[in-house]
């Protein structure tokens, strides 16, 4: 969501007489609040994806350390990691071994 989108939404609300007086008197404040909410939501979404990715990397590392599966088999089990990412993880695991 961009600031332009927020402003357009406010315009539509005013045109439809939804909170019209409030939006007229506090439009800048509403835009600031909406942008802040969007920023926080985006931050949380990104954080959740980072946590998920880290969990998947750790799962792949554990599978590699057991040494019973090929990278292709691990890729089937952890499809969010590309074969190139798995090769990088494998290189890291081998260095630590």
Protein backbone atom coordinates (compact mmCIF):
# COMPACT_ATOMS: atom_id res chain seq x y z
CA UNK A 1 0.00 0.00 0.00
CA UNK A 2 1.36 3.36 -0.98
CA UNK A 3 0.55 6.81 0.32
CA UNK A 4 -1.26 7.47 -2.96
CA UNK A 5 -3.47 4.42 -2.32
CA UNK A 6 -4.29 5.63 1.19
CA UNK A 7 -5.18 9.09 -0.11
CA UNK A 8 -7.36 7.60 -2.85
CA UNK A 9 -9.17 5.46 -0.26
CA UNK A 10 -9.79 8.56 1.86
CA UNK A 11 -11.10 10.41 -1.20
CA UNK A 12 -13.51 7.57 -1.96
CA UNK A 13 -14.73 7.54 1.64
CA UNK A 14 -15.32 11.31 1.57
CA UNK A 15 -17.14 11.00 -1.78
CA UNK A 16 -19.41 8.35 -0.27
CA UNK A 17 -19.95 10.42 2.88
CA UNK A 18 -18.20 7.85 5.08
CA UNK A 19 -16.60 9.65 8.04
CA UNK A 20 -16.48 12.67 5.75
CA UNK A 21 -16.15 15.41 8.41
CA UNK A 22 -13.57 13.44 10.36
CA UNK A 23 -11.50 12.74 7.26
CA UNK A 24 -11.68 16.35 6.13
CA UNK A 25 -10.44 17.62 9.49
CA UNK A 26 -7.80 14.93 10.09
CA UNK A 27 -6.73 13.65 6.70
CA UNK A 28 -2.98 14.06 7.31
CA UNK A 29 -3.25 12.23 10.63
CA UNK A 30 -5.23 9.38 9.04
CA UNK A 31 -2.67 9.07 6.23
CA UNK A 32 0.18 8.95 8.76
CA UNK A 33 -1.59 6.30 10.85
CA UNK A 34 -2.48 4.16 7.84
CA UNK A 35 1.08 4.31 6.50
CA UNK A 36 2.43 3.40 9.93
CA UNK A 37 0.06 0.43 10.17
CA UNK A 38 1.10 -0.72 6.72
CA UNK A 39 4.79 -0.37 7.59
CA UNK A 40 4.33 -2.39 10.79
CA UNK A 41 2.36 -5.07 8.97
CA UNK A 42 5.03 -5.29 6.26
CA UNK A 43 7.77 -5.55 8.90
CA UNK A 44 5.93 -8.39 10.67
CA UNK A 45 5.34 -10.22 7.39
CA UNK A 46 9.02 -9.94 6.47
CA UNK A 47 10.08 -11.06 9.96
CA UNK A 48 7.79 -14.10 9.78
CA UNK A 49 9.23 -15.06 6.39
CA UNK A 50 12.77 -14.71 7.75
CA UNK A 51 11.94 -16.96 10.71
CA UNK A 52 10.33 -19.51 8.41
CA UNK A 53 13.34 -19.48 6.08
CA UNK A 54 15.75 -19.93 9.02
CA UNK A 55 13.71 -22.88 10.32
CA UNK A 56 13.77 -24.49 6.87
CA UNK A 57 17.56 -23.95 6.63
CA UNK A 58 18.03 -25.66 10.01
CA UNK A 59 15.85 -28.56 8.89
CA UNK A 60 17.93 -28.94 5.73
CA UNK A 61 21.15 -28.80 7.79
CA UNK A 62 19.91 -31.59 10.06
CA UNK A 63 19.01 -33.72 7.05
CA UNK A 64 22.45 -33.16 5.54
CA UNK A 65 24.23 -34.02 8.77
CA UNK A 66 22.42 -37.35 8.90
CA UNK A 67 23.83 -38.04 5.43
CA UNK A 68 21.01 -40.28 4.30
CA UNK A 69 19.48 -38.09 1.61
CA UNK A 70 20.70 -36.46 -1.57
CA UNK A 71 20.29 -32.73 -2.11
CA UNK A 72 17.51 -33.47 -4.59
CA UNK A 73 15.63 -35.49 -1.96
CA UNK A 74 16.09 -32.72 0.60
CA UNK A 75 14.81 -30.22 -1.99
CA UNK A 76 11.66 -32.34 -2.29
CA UNK A 77 11.19 -32.18 1.49
CA UNK A 78 12.02 -28.47 1.82
CA UNK A 79 10.75 -27.03 -1.49
CA UNK A 80 11.16 -23.40 -0.45
CA UNK A 81 14.95 -23.80 -0.65
CA UNK A 82 16.46 -23.89 -4.11
CA UNK A 83 19.09 -26.43 -5.09
CA UNK A 84 21.66 -23.62 -5.13
CA UNK A 85 20.69 -22.62 -1.58
CA UNK A 86 20.99 -26.24 -0.49
CA UNK A 87 24.45 -26.44 -2.06
CA UNK A 88 25.48 -23.34 -0.09
CA UNK A 89 24.12 -24.87 3.12
CA UNK A 90 25.93 -28.11 2.33
CA UNK A 91 29.21 -26.21 1.88
CA UNK A 92 28.70 -24.55 5.27
CA UNK A 93 27.90 -27.90 6.92
CA UNK A 94 31.00 -29.50 5.39
CA UNK A 95 33.21 -26.67 6.68
CA UNK A 96 31.89 -27.14 10.19
CA UNK A 97 32.40 -30.91 10.10
